[in-house]
Amino acid sequence: MALFDYLLRSKEKKDHVAIFLDSPNIIRKEFSVDLNRIMELARKRGKIRVAKAFLNQYASEKLIEALANQGFEPVVSISADIDLDMAVEAMEAVHDPGIDTIILVTRDSDYLPVMRKAKEYGKTTGVFAVNSAFSIALRNSADFVEILDAKDARSEI
């Protein structure tokens, strides 16, 4: 019955998605991650209602502009801990009844409490990451995972 309810719900409305990008962790030259691909994968999960990219105060204007051009709201953190700022914003989405799916774009296991709380509140959870040093615990906590590679962005789960 649960599968039937899910299929019925998915036909009636598109999920509302919140996506949070840990830019210093993911947007690196050695990863060559395509911002357009991130948004494309998120749109496959539903209608994007929140898209925020977290940066430190040293982020270049070019990077900030590129993120904005792809539909992200750049959030420049002046605190020493971007992870904390992103976790707080993600928790706001967890408590938002208008958000169905929470996607974290990171490799960092610091976000495990956010993932657990999102599931507790009935949200679908996802992680977009690169294979390099990707937290196994974070991978296992998500309902779905997308691996972002320069050559091949494919679904893992």
Foldseek 3Di string as FASTA:
>chain_A
DVVVVVVVVVVVAWAEEAEEEACVAAVDPVFQFDLLVVVVVRVVRGHYPAAAYEAEPPDDPVVCVVCVVSPHNYDYDDDPDSPVVRLVVLVVLLPDPRHAEYEYEHQDPVNVVSLVSSVVSNHAYEYEYAPPNRDPSVCVSHPWYWHTGNVDTDTDD
